[in-house]
PDB file of N, CA and C in Angstrom:
ATOM      1  N   MET A   1     -44.292  20.285 -57.853  1.00  0.00           N
ATOM      2  CA  MET A   1     -44.664  20.152 -56.474  1.00  0.00           C
ATOM      3  C   MET A   1     -44.292  18.774 -55.921  1.00  0.00           C
ATOM      4  N   ASP A   2     -44.450  17.799 -56.770  1.00  0.00           N
ATOM      5  CA  ASP A   2     -44.066  16.459 -56.346  1.00  0.00           C
ATOM      6  C   ASP A   2     -42.571  16.395 -56.040  1.00  0.00           C
ATOM      7  N   GLU A   3     -41.816  17.148 -56.807  1.00  0.00           N
ATOM      8  CA  GLU A   3     -40.377  17.163 -56.586  1.00  0.00           C
ATOM      9  C   GLU A   3     -40.048  17.805 -55.242  1.00  0.00           C
ATOM     10  N   VAL A   4     -40.748  18.862 -54.880  1.00  0.00           N
ATOM     11  CA  VAL A   4     -40.538  19.529 -53.596  1.00  0.00           C
ATOM     12  C   VAL A   4     -40.945  18.595 -52.467  1.00  0.00           C
ATOM     13  N   ASN A   5     -42.064  17.935 -52.617  1.00  0.00           N
ATOM     14  CA  ASN A   5     -42.512  16.984 -51.585  1.00  0.00           C
ATOM     15  C   ASN A   5     -41.513  15.838 -51.449  1.00  0.00           C
ATOM     16  N   SER A   6     -40.988  15.406 -52.569  1.00  0.00           N
ATOM     17  CA  SER A   6     -40.008  14.334 -52.557  1.00  0.00           C
ATOM     18  C   SER A   6     -38.743  14.779 -51.820  1.00  0.00           C
ATOM     19  N   GLN A   7     -38.305  16.003 -52.070  1.00  0.00           N
ATOM     20  CA  GLN A   7     -37.117  16.532 -51.388  1.00  0.00           C
ATOM     21  C   GLN A   7     -37.381  16.699 -49.891  1.00  0.00           C
ATOM     22  N   ILE A   8     -38.582  17.148 -49.545  1.00  0.00           N
ATOM     23  CA  ILE A   8     -38.947  17.291 -48.128  1.00  0.00           C
ATOM     24  C   ILE A   8     -38.963  15.921 -47.463  1.00  0.00           C
ATOM     25  N   ASP A   9     -39.511  14.928 -48.148  1.00  0.00           N
ATOM     26  CA  ASP A   9     -39.527  13.566 -47.603  1.00  0.00           C
ATOM     27  C   ASP A   9     -38.101  13.046 -47.391  1.00  0.00           C
ATOM     28  N   ILE A  10     -37.238  13.329 -48.363  1.00  0.00           N
ATOM     29  CA  ILE A  10     -35.838  12.894 -48.248  1.00  0.00           C
ATOM     30  C   ILE A  10     -35.172  13.583 -47.057  1.00  0.00           C
ATOM     31  N   LEU A  11     -35.374  14.894 -46.918  1.00  0.00           N
ATOM     32  CA  LEU A  11     -34.793  15.636 -45.794  1.00  0.00           C
ATOM     33  C   LEU A  11     -35.337  15.137 -44.461  1.00  0.00           C
ATOM     34  N   ASN A  12     -36.628  14.879 -44.404  1.00  0.00           N
ATOM     35  CA  ASN A  12     -37.230  14.329 -43.169  1.00  0.00           C
ATOM     36  C   ASN A  12     -36.631  12.961 -42.851  1.00  0.00           C
ATOM     37  N   HIS A  13     -36.438  12.152 -43.889  1.00  0.00           N
ATOM     38  CA  HIS A  13     -35.845  10.832 -43.684  1.00  0.00           C
ATOM     39  C   HIS A  13     -34.409  10.970 -43.166  1.00  0.00           C
ATOM     40  N   ILE A  14     -33.645  11.904 -43.743  1.00  0.00           N
ATOM     41  CA  ILE A  14     -32.267  12.142 -43.292  1.00  0.00           C
ATOM     42  C   ILE A  14     -32.258  12.613 -41.842  1.00  0.00           C
ATOM     43  N   ILE A  15     -33.187  13.494 -41.480  1.00  0.00           N
ATOM     44  CA  ILE A  15     -33.277  13.974 -40.092  1.00  0.00           C
ATOM     45  C   ILE A  15     -33.599  12.822 -39.154  1.00  0.00           C
ATOM     46  N   GLU A  16     -34.506  11.939 -39.565  1.00  0.00           N
ATOM     47  CA  GLU A  16     -34.839  10.773 -38.735  1.00  0.00           C
ATOM     48  C   GLU A  16     -33.619   9.864 -38.565  1.00  0.00           C
ATOM     49  N   ILE A  17     -32.866   9.678 -39.636  1.00  0.00           N
ATOM     50  CA  ILE A  17     -31.654   8.846 -39.556  1.00  0.00           C
ATOM     51  C   ILE A  17     -30.637   9.497 -38.621  1.00  0.00           C
ATOM     52  N   GLU A  18     -30.474  10.824 -38.716  1.00  0.00           N
ATOM     53  CA  GLU A  18     -29.555  11.529 -37.825  1.00  0.00           C
ATOM     54  C   GLU A  18     -29.983  11.379 -36.365  1.00  0.00           C
ATOM     55  N   LYS A  19     -31.284  11.429 -36.102  1.00  0.00           N
ATOM     56  CA  LYS A  19     -31.789  11.238 -34.732  1.00  0.00           C
ATOM     57  C   LYS A  19     -31.464   9.827 -34.248  1.00  0.00           C
ATOM     58  N   GLU A  20     -31.660   8.842 -35.127  1.00  0.00           N
ATOM     59  CA  GLU A  20     -31.354   7.457 -34.755  1.00  0.00           C
ATOM     60  C   GLU A  20     -29.857   7.287 -34.494  1.00  0.00           C
ATOM     61  N   VAL A  21     -29.038   7.915 -35.342  1.00  0.00           N
ATOM     62  CA  VAL A  21     -27.584   7.841 -35.160  1.00  0.00           C
ATOM     63  C   VAL A  21     -27.196   8.497 -33.842  1.00  0.00           C
ATOM     64  N   THR A  22     -27.789   9.643 -33.546  1.00  0.00           N
ATOM     65  CA  THR A  22     -27.503  10.328 -32.277  1.00  0.00           C
ATOM     66  C   THR A  22     -27.877   9.438 -31.102  1.00  0.00           C
ATOM     67  N   THR A  23     -29.033   8.807 -31.178  1.00  0.00           N
ATOM     68  CA  THR A  23     -29.460   7.895 -30.112  1.00  0.00           C
ATOM     69  C   THR A  23     -28.493   6.720 -29.987  1.00  0.00           C
ATOM     70  N   LEU A  24     -28.087   6.161 -31.122  1.00  0.00           N
ATOM     71  CA  LEU A  24     -27.133   5.049 -31.099  1.00  0.00           C
ATOM     72  C   LEU A  24     -25.800   5.476 -30.474  1.00  0.00           C
ATOM     73  N   ILE A  25     -25.336   6.656 -30.838  1.00  0.00           N
ATOM     74  CA  ILE A  25     -24.067   7.158 -30.282  1.00  0.00           C
ATOM     75  C   ILE A  25     -24.198   7.379 -28.773  1.00  0.00           C
ATOM     76  N   GLU A  26     -25.318   7.970 -28.351  1.00  0.00           N
ATOM     77  CA  GLU A  26     -25.529   8.195 -26.915  1.00  0.00           C
ATOM     78  C   GLU A  26     -25.580   6.872 -26.166  1.00  0.00           C
ATOM     79  N   ASN A  27     -26.286   5.892 -26.742  1.00  0.00           N
ATOM     80  CA  ASN A  27     -26.369   4.571 -26.100  1.00  0.00           C
ATOM     81  C   ASN A  27     -25.003   3.889 -26.057  1.00  0.00           C
ATOM     82  N   ALA A  28     -24.256   3.999 -27.143  1.00  0.00           N
ATOM     83  CA  ALA A  28     -22.922   3.395 -27.187  1.00  0.00           C
ATOM     84  C   ALA A  28     -21.987   4.070 -26.189  1.00  0.00           C
ATOM     85  N   THR A  29     -22.098   5.388 -26.083  1.00  0.00           N
ATOM     86  CA  THR A  29     -21.269   6.125 -25.126  1.00  0.00           C
ATOM     87  C   THR A  29     -21.618   5.709 -23.702  1.00  0.00           C
ATOM     88  N   ALA A  30     -22.903   5.626 -23.391  1.00  0.00           N
ATOM     89  CA  ALA A  30     -23.333   5.212 -22.051  1.00  0.00           C
ATOM     90  C   ALA A  30     -22.861   3.792 -21.756  1.00  0.00           C
ATOM     91  N   TYR A  31     -22.982   2.899 -22.742  1.00  0.00           N
ATOM     92  CA  TYR A  31     -22.543   1.513 -22.565  1.00  0.00           C
ATOM     93  C   TYR A  31     -21.032   1.454 -22.320  1.00  0.00           C
ATOM     94  N   ALA A  32     -20.290   2.225 -23.125  1.00  0.00           N
ATOM     95  CA  ALA A  32     -18.833   2.239 -22.974  1.00  0.00           C
ATOM     96  C   ALA A  32     -18.436   2.793 -21.612  1.00  0.00           C
ATOM     97  N   GLU A  33     -19.085   3.860 -21.176  1.00  0.00           N
ATOM     98  CA  GLU A  33     -18.787   4.429 -19.858  1.00  0.00           C
ATOM     99  C   GLU A  33     -19.109   3.440 -18.749  1.00  0.00           C
ATOM    100  N   LYS A  34     -20.203   2.693 -18.907  1.00  0.00           N
ATOM    101  CA  LYS A  34     -20.573   1.686 -17.908  1.00  0.00           C
ATOM    102  C   LYS A  34     -19.512   0.583 -17.859  1.00  0.00           C
ATOM    103  N   LYS A  35     -19.069   0.129 -19.039  1.00  0.00           N
ATOM    104  CA  LYS A  35     -18.051  -0.929 -19.090  1.00  0.00           C
ATOM    105  C   LYS A  35     -16.724  -0.444 -18.507  1.00  0.00           C
ATOM    106  N   VAL A  36     -16.347   0.781 -18.810  1.00  0.00           N
ATOM    107  CA  VAL A  36     -15.108   1.344 -18.260  1.00  0.00           C
ATOM    108  C   VAL A  36     -15.216   1.443 -16.742  1.00  0.00           C
ATOM    109  N   SER A  37     -16.361   1.887 -16.260  1.00  0.00           N
ATOM    110  CA  SER A  37     -16.568   2.000 -14.816  1.00  0.00           C
ATOM    111  C   SER A  37     -16.491   0.628 -14.141  1.00  0.00           C
ATOM    112  N   GLU A  38     -17.124  -0.367 -14.761  1.00  0.00           N
ATOM    113  CA  GLU A  38     -17.067  -1.725 -14.204  1.00  0.00           C
ATOM    114  C   GLU A  38     -15.638  -2.253 -14.206  1.00  0.00           C
ATOM    115  N   ALA A  39     -14.912  -1.992 -15.298  1.00  0.00           N
ATOM    116  CA  ALA A  39     -13.523  -2.453 -15.382  1.00  0.00           C
ATOM    117  C   ALA A  39     -12.663  -1.777 -14.324  1.00  0.00           C
ATOM    118  N   LYS A  40     -12.902  -0.496 -14.082  1.00  0.00           N
ATOM    119  CA  LYS A  40     -12.166   0.220 -13.034  1.00  0.00           C
ATOM    120  C   LYS A  40     -12.459  -0.382 -11.666  1.00  0.00           C
ATOM    121  N   GLN A  41     -13.723  -0.706 -11.430  1.00  0.00           N
ATOM    122  CA  GLN A  41     -14.077  -1.298 -10.140  1.00  0.00           C
ATOM    123  C   GLN A  41     -13.390  -2.643  -9.954  1.00  0.00           C
ATOM    124  N   VAL A  42     -13.384  -3.449 -11.004  1.00  0.00           N
ATOM    125  CA  VAL A  42     -12.716  -4.753 -10.928  1.00  0.00           C
ATOM    126  C   VAL A  42     -11.225  -4.564 -10.706  1.00  0.00           C
ATOM    127  N   ALA A  43     -10.631  -3.635 -11.447  1.00  0.00           N
ATOM    128  CA  ALA A  43      -9.191  -3.380 -11.303  1.00  0.00           C
ATOM    129  C   ALA A  43      -8.870  -2.860  -9.905  1.00  0.00           C
ATOM    130  N   ASN A  44      -9.679  -1.950  -9.401  1.00  0.00           N
ATOM    131  CA  ASN A  44      -9.444  -1.420  -8.050  1.00  0.00           C
ATOM    132  C   ASN A  44      -9.578  -2.518  -7.000  1.00  0.00           C
ATOM    133  N   ALA A  45     -10.549  -3.397  -7.185  1.00  0.00           N
ATOM    134  CA  ALA A  45     -10.706  -4.513  -6.241  1.00  0.00           C
ATOM    135  C   ALA A  45      -9.482  -5.419  -6.282  1.00  0.00           C
ATOM    136  N   GLU A  46      -8.977  -5.681  -7.473  1.00  0.00           N
ATOM    137  CA  GLU A  46      -7.768  -6.508  -7.615  1.00  0.00           C
ATOM    138  C   GLU A  46      -6.572  -5.832  -6.953  1.00  0.00           C
ATOM    139  N   ILE A  47      -6.448  -4.534  -7.185  1.00  0.00           N
ATOM    140  CA  ILE A  47      -5.333  -3.787  -6.591  1.00  0.00           C
ATOM    141  C   ILE A  47      -5.425  -3.824  -5.072  1.00  0.00           C
ATOM    142  N   GLN A  48      -6.615  -3.615  -4.537  1.00  0.00           N
ATOM    143  CA  GLN A  48      -6.783  -3.655  -3.083  1.00  0.00           C
ATOM    144  C   GLN A  48      -6.472  -5.034  -2.534  1.00  0.00           C
ATOM    145  N   LYS A  49      -6.887  -6.067  -3.254  1.00  0.00           N
ATOM    146  CA  LYS A  49      -6.611  -7.438  -2.819  1.00  0.00           C
ATOM    147  C   LYS A  49      -5.106  -7.701  -2.813  1.00  0.00           C
ATOM    148  N   LYS A  50      -4.429  -7.316  -3.902  1.00  0.00           N
ATOM    149  CA  LYS A  50      -2.973  -7.520  -3.985  1.00  0.00           C
ATOM    150  C   LYS A  50      -2.251  -6.699  -2.922  1.00  0.00           C
ATOM    151  N   ASN A  51      -2.687  -5.467  -2.710  1.00  0.00           N
ATOM    152  CA  ASN A  51      -2.075  -4.626  -1.679  1.00  0.00           C
ATOM    153  C   ASN A  51      -2.233  -5.260  -0.298  1.00  0.00           C
ATOM    154  N   ALA A  52      -3.417  -5.799  -0.034  1.00  0.00           N
ATOM    155  CA  ALA A  52      -3.652  -6.445   1.262  1.00  0.00           C
ATOM    156  C   ALA A  52      -2.749  -7.663   1.425  1.00  0.00           C
ATOM    157  N   GLU A  53      -2.585  -8.429   0.346  1.00  0.00           N
ATOM    158  CA  GLU A  53      -1.705  -9.602   0.406  1.00  0.00           C
ATOM    159  C   GLU A  53      -0.260  -9.184   0.650  1.00  0.00           C
ATOM    160  N   ILE A  54       0.187  -8.169  -0.062  1.00  0.00           N
ATOM    161  CA  ILE A  54       1.558  -7.683   0.100  1.00  0.00           C
ATOM    162  C   ILE A  54       1.755  -7.131   1.506  1.00  0.00           C
ATOM    163  N   GLN A  55       0.784  -6.358   1.978  1.00  0.00           N
ATOM    164  CA  GLN A  55       0.880  -5.785   3.323  1.00  0.00           C
ATOM    165  C   GLN A  55       0.949  -6.887   4.374  1.00  0.00           C
ATOM    166  N   SER A  56       0.116  -7.898   4.212  1.00  0.00           N
ATOM    167  CA  SER A  56       0.120  -9.007   5.167  1.00  0.00           C
ATOM    168  C   SER A  56       1.468  -9.727   5.166  1.00  0.00           C
ATOM    169  N   ALA A  57       1.996  -9.975   3.972  1.00  0.00           N
ATOM    170  CA  ALA A  57       3.295 -10.656   3.877  1.00  0.00           C
ATOM    171  C   ALA A  57       4.397  -9.811   4.504  1.00  0.00           C
ATOM    172  N   LEU A  58       4.369  -8.513   4.245  1.00  0.00           N
ATOM    173  CA  LEU A  58       5.390  -7.628   4.817  1.00  0.00           C
ATOM    174  C   LEU A  58       5.272  -7.548   6.337  1.00  0.00           C
ATOM    175  N   GLU A  59       4.044  -7.518   6.841  1.00  0.00           N
ATOM    176  CA  GLU A  59       3.854  -7.479   8.298  1.00  0.00           C
ATOM    177  C   GLU A  59       4.363  -8.762   8.944  1.00  0.00           C
ATOM    178  N   LYS A  60       4.089  -9.908   8.314  1.00  0.00           N
ATOM    179  CA  LYS A  60       4.587 -11.179   8.847  1.00  0.00           C
ATOM    180  C   LYS A  60       6.114 -11.212   8.833  1.00  0.00           C
ATOM    181  N   GLU A  61       6.698 -10.745   7.740  1.00  0.00           N
ATOM    182  CA  GLU A  61       8.160 -10.702   7.640  1.00  0.00           C
ATOM    183  C   GLU A  61       8.746  -9.767   8.694  1.00  0.00           C
ATOM    184  N   PHE A  62       8.100  -8.608   8.888  1.00  0.00           N
ATOM    185  CA  PHE A  62       8.555  -7.658   9.897  1.00  0.00           C
ATOM    186  C   PHE A  62       8.501  -8.279  11.285  1.00  0.00           C
ATOM    187  N   GLU A  63       7.379  -8.899  11.615  1.00  0.00           N
ATOM    188  CA  GLU A  63       7.236  -9.530  12.930  1.00  0.00           C
ATOM    189  C   GLU A  63       8.283 -10.615  13.133  1.00  0.00           C
ATOM    190  N   SER A  64       8.525 -11.405  12.116  1.00  0.00           N
ATOM    191  CA  SER A  64       9.519 -12.469  12.212  1.00  0.00           C
ATOM    192  C   SER A  64      10.910 -11.892  12.454  1.00  0.00           C
ATOM    193  N   LYS A  65      11.258 -10.862  11.681  1.00  0.00           N
ATOM    194  CA  LYS A  65      12.575 -10.246  11.851  1.00  0.00           C
ATOM    195  C   LYS A  65      12.691  -9.554  13.206  1.00  0.00           C
ATOM    196  N   LEU A  66      11.610  -8.929  13.643  1.00  0.00           N
ATOM    197  CA  LEU A  66      11.620  -8.263  14.943  1.00  0.00           C
ATOM    198  C   LEU A  66      11.843  -9.276  16.058  1.00  0.00           C
ATOM    199  N   LEU A  67      11.161 -10.411  15.984  1.00  0.00           N
ATOM    200  CA  LEU A  67      11.358 -11.458  16.990  1.00  0.00           C
ATOM    201  C   LEU A  67      12.806 -11.955  16.979  1.00  0.00           C
ATOM    202  N   GLN A  68      13.366 -12.126  15.774  1.00  0.00           N
ATOM    203  CA  GLN A  68      14.743 -12.591  15.666  1.00  0.00           C
ATOM    204  C   GLN A  68      15.717 -11.565  16.235  1.00  0.00           C
ATOM    205  N   ILE A  69      15.481 -10.303  15.930  1.00  0.00           N
ATOM    206  CA  ILE A  69      16.349  -9.240  16.453  1.00  0.00           C
ATOM    207  C   ILE A  69      16.257  -9.174  17.974  1.00  0.00           C
ATOM    208  N   ASN A  70      15.044  -9.265  18.505  1.00  0.00           N
ATOM    209  CA  ASN A  70      14.870  -9.249  19.960  1.00  0.00           C
ATOM    210  C   ASN A  70      15.569 -10.439  20.610  1.00  0.00           C
ATOM    211  N   ALA A  71      15.454 -11.601  19.985  1.00  0.00           N
ATOM    212  CA  ALA A  71      16.121 -12.791  20.521  1.00  0.00           C
ATOM    213  C   ALA A  71      17.635 -12.616  20.487  1.00  0.00           C
ATOM    214  N   ASP A  72      18.141 -12.077  19.381  1.00  0.00           N
ATOM    215  CA  ASP A  72      19.586 -11.844  19.273  1.00  0.00           C
ATOM    216  C   ASP A  72      20.065 -10.839  20.321  1.00  0.00           C
ATOM    217  N   CYS A  73      19.290  -9.779  20.521  1.00  0.00           N
ATOM    218  CA  CYS A  73      19.661  -8.774  21.532  1.00  0.00           C
ATOM    219  C   CYS A  73      19.665  -9.386  22.928  1.00  0.00           C
ATOM    220  N   GLU A  74      18.645 -10.153  23.218  1.00  0.00           N
ATOM    221  CA  GLU A  74      18.558 -10.801  24.530  1.00  0.00           C
ATOM    222  C   GLU A  74      19.746 -11.740  24.732  1.00  0.00           C
ATOM    223  N   LYS A  75      20.102 -12.494  23.693  1.00  0.00           N
ATOM    224  CA  LYS A  75      21.242 -13.408  23.766  1.00  0.00           C
ATOM    225  C   LYS A  75      22.538 -12.624  24.011  1.00  0.00           C
ATOM    226  N   ASP A  76      22.720 -11.536  23.258  1.00  0.00           N
ATOM    227  CA  ASP A  76      23.924 -10.711  23.431  1.00  0.00           C
ATOM    228  C   ASP A  76      23.979 -10.095  24.825  1.00  0.00           C
ATOM    229  N   PHE A  77      22.837  -9.641  25.325  1.00  0.00           N
ATOM    230  CA  PHE A  77      22.789  -9.039  26.654  1.00  0.00           C
ATOM    231  C   PHE A  77      23.117 -10.068  27.732  1.00  0.00           C
ATOM    232  N   GLU A  78      22.578 -11.252  27.592  1.00  0.00           N
ATOM    233  CA  GLU A  78      22.872 -12.311  28.562  1.00  0.00           C
ATOM    234  C   GLU A  78      24.346 -12.691  28.512  1.00  0.00           C
ATOM    235  N   SER A  79      24.916 -12.704  27.320  1.00  0.00           N
ATOM    236  CA  SER A  79      26.345 -13.000  27.185  1.00  0.00           C
ATOM    237  C   SER A  79      27.166 -11.916  27.877  1.00  0.00           C
ATOM    238  N   PHE A  80      26.775 -10.667  27.708  1.00  0.00           N
ATOM    239  CA  PHE A  80      27.461  -9.554  28.348  1.00  0.00           C
ATOM    240  C   PHE A  80      27.357  -9.664  29.868  1.00  0.00           C
ATOM    241  N   ARG A  81      26.157  -9.974  30.364  1.00  0.00           N
ATOM    242  CA  ARG A  81      25.965 -10.145  31.813  1.00  0.00           C
ATOM    243  C   ARG A  81      26.847 -11.270  32.347  1.00  0.00           C
ATOM    244  N   SER A  82      26.889 -12.343  31.591  1.00  0.00           N
ATOM    245  CA  SER A  82      27.697 -13.493  32.007  1.00  0.00           C
ATOM    246  C   SER A  82      29.178 -13.107  32.072  1.00  0.00           C
ATOM    247  N   GLN A  83      29.630 -12.349  31.099  1.00  0.00           N
ATOM    248  CA  GLN A  83      31.022 -11.894  31.106  1.00  0.00           C
ATOM    249  C   GLN A  83      31.289 -11.001  32.306  1.00  0.00           C
ATOM    250  N   LEU A  84      30.344 -10.100  32.621  1.00  0.00           N
ATOM    251  CA  LEU A  84      30.530  -9.228  33.774  1.00  0.00           C
ATOM    252  C   LEU A  84      30.577 -10.024  35.073  1.00  0.00           C
ATOM    253  N   ARG A  85      29.729 -11.012  35.179  1.00  0.00           N
ATOM    254  CA  ARG A  85      29.694 -11.830  36.414  1.00  0.00           C
ATOM    255  C   ARG A  85      30.976 -12.643  36.578  1.00  0.00           C
ATOM    256  N   SER A  86      31.557 -13.025  35.451  1.00  0.00           N
ATOM    257  CA  SER A  86      32.762 -13.860  35.536  1.00  0.00           C
ATOM    258  C   SER A  86      34.016 -13.057  35.874  1.00  0.00           C
ATOM    259  N   LYS A  87      33.945 -11.757  35.779  1.00  0.00           N
ATOM    260  CA  LYS A  87      35.100 -10.911  36.103  1.00  0.00           C
ATOM    261  C   LYS A  87      35.284 -10.861  37.615  1.00  0.00           C
ATOM    262  N   ASN A  88      36.547 -10.840  37.997  1.00  0.00           N
ATOM    263  CA  ASN A  88      36.860 -10.691  39.428  1.00  0.00           C
ATOM    264  C   ASN A  88      36.578  -9.256  39.849  1.00  0.00           C
ATOM    265  N   GLN A  89      35.896  -9.136  40.953  1.00  0.00           N
ATOM    266  CA  GLN A  89      35.603  -7.799  41.456  1.00  0.00           C
ATOM    267  C   GLN A  89      36.539  -7.523  42.637  1.00  0.00           C
ATOM    268  N   ASN A  90      37.185  -6.402  42.561  1.00  0.00           N
ATOM    269  CA  ASN A  90      38.091  -6.010  43.619  1.00  0.00           C
ATOM    270  C   ASN A  90      37.513  -4.741  44.233  1.00  0.00           C
ATOM    271  N   GLN A  91      36.663  -4.953  45.205  1.00  0.00           N
ATOM    272  CA  GLN A  91      35.943  -3.840  45.825  1.00  0.00           C
ATOM    273  C   GLN A  91      36.899  -2.857  46.502  1.00  0.00           C
ATOM    274  N   LYS A  92      37.955  -3.365  47.107  1.00  0.00           N
ATOM    275  CA  LYS A  92      38.901  -2.503  47.818  1.00  0.00           C
ATOM    276  C   LYS A  92      39.570  -1.528  46.853  1.00  0.00           C
ATOM    277  N   ASN A  93      40.044  -2.028  45.723  1.00  0.00           N
ATOM    278  CA  ASN A  93      40.680  -1.150  44.734  1.00  0.00           C
ATOM    279  C   ASN A  93      39.672  -0.176  44.118  1.00  0.00           C
ATOM    280  N   LEU A  94      38.475  -0.641  43.873  1.00  0.00           N
ATOM    281  CA  LEU A  94      37.436   0.234  43.324  1.00  0.00           C
ATOM    282  C   LEU A  94      37.144   1.374  44.275  1.00  0.00           C
ATOM    283  N   ASN A  95      37.004   1.066  45.560  1.00  0.00           N
ATOM    284  CA  ASN A  95      36.749   2.118  46.550  1.00  0.00           C
ATOM    285  C   ASN A  95      37.919   3.098  46.618  1.00  0.00           C
ATOM    286  N   ALA A  96      39.118   2.606  46.518  1.00  0.00           N
ATOM    287  CA  ALA A  96      40.295   3.481  46.564  1.00  0.00           C
ATOM    288  C   ALA A  96      40.307   4.425  45.357  1.00  0.00           C
ATOM    289  N   VAL A  97      40.010   3.912  44.178  1.00  0.00           N
ATOM    290  CA  VAL A  97      39.982   4.754  42.975  1.00  0.00           C
ATOM    291  C   VAL A  97      38.864   5.767  43.088  1.00  0.00           C
ATOM    292  N   LEU A  98      37.699   5.347  43.555  1.00  0.00           N
ATOM    293  CA  LEU A  98      36.578   6.293  43.698  1.00  0.00           C
ATOM    294  C   LEU A  98      36.894   7.375  44.736  1.00  0.00           C
ATOM    295  N   ASP A  99      37.501   6.989  45.849  1.00  0.00           N
ATOM    296  CA  ASP A  99      37.875   7.990  46.854  1.00  0.00           C
ATOM    297  C   ASP A  99      38.864   8.990  46.263  1.00  0.00           C
ATOM    298  N   LYS A 100      39.805   8.493  45.507  1.00  0.00           N
ATOM    299  CA  LYS A 100      40.805   9.369  44.926  1.00  0.00           C
ATOM    300  C   LYS A 100      40.170  10.332  43.920  1.00  0.00           C
ATOM    301  N   LEU A 101      39.281   9.806  43.084  1.00  0.00           N
ATOM    302  CA  LEU A 101      38.633  10.632  42.062  1.00  0.00           C
ATOM    303  C   LEU A 101      37.632  11.620  42.667  1.00  0.00           C
ATOM    304  N   LEU A 102      36.879  11.154  43.621  1.00  0.00           N
ATOM    305  CA  LEU A 102      35.810  11.994  44.155  1.00  0.00           C
ATOM    306  C   LEU A 102      36.288  12.939  45.266  1.00  0.00           C
ATOM    307  N   PHE A 103      37.234  12.492  46.061  1.00  0.00           N
ATOM    308  CA  PHE A 103      37.614  13.283  47.237  1.00  0.00           C
ATOM    309  C   PHE A 103      39.070  13.743  47.197  1.00  0.00           C
ATOM    310  N   ASN A 104      39.757  13.482  46.096  1.00  0.00           N
ATOM    311  CA  ASN A 104      41.175  13.836  45.934  1.00  0.00           C
ATOM    312  C   ASN A 104      42.020  13.348  47.103  1.00  0.00           C
ATOM    313  N   GLU A 105      41.831  12.170  47.490  1.00  0.00           N
ATOM    314  CA  GLU A 105      42.592  11.610  48.622  1.00  0.00           C
ATOM    315  C   GLU A 105      43.711  10.747  48.149  1.00  0.00           C
TER     316      GLU A 105
END
């Protein structure tokens, strides 16, 4: 009988150890999930910060290039206007060509 009680005590002890191991595993899993979640949050914050920095730099570059393009276009347009103004206008010949084209005269 003592042997049976001893075996029962051993089995009970093993069951208690298994319960403790299960608790340890559950706690370790919860801790690991918490750490992974925290790391993801930190990584996402870093990614958002870097994205915002990149977006800001790209927007500044875009605005700068847009201003330069607009300035270049304005310069080219003014040059074109200046060239047109410097041309001799012959209103009499223009009217004659238009009359011929429009009225077959």
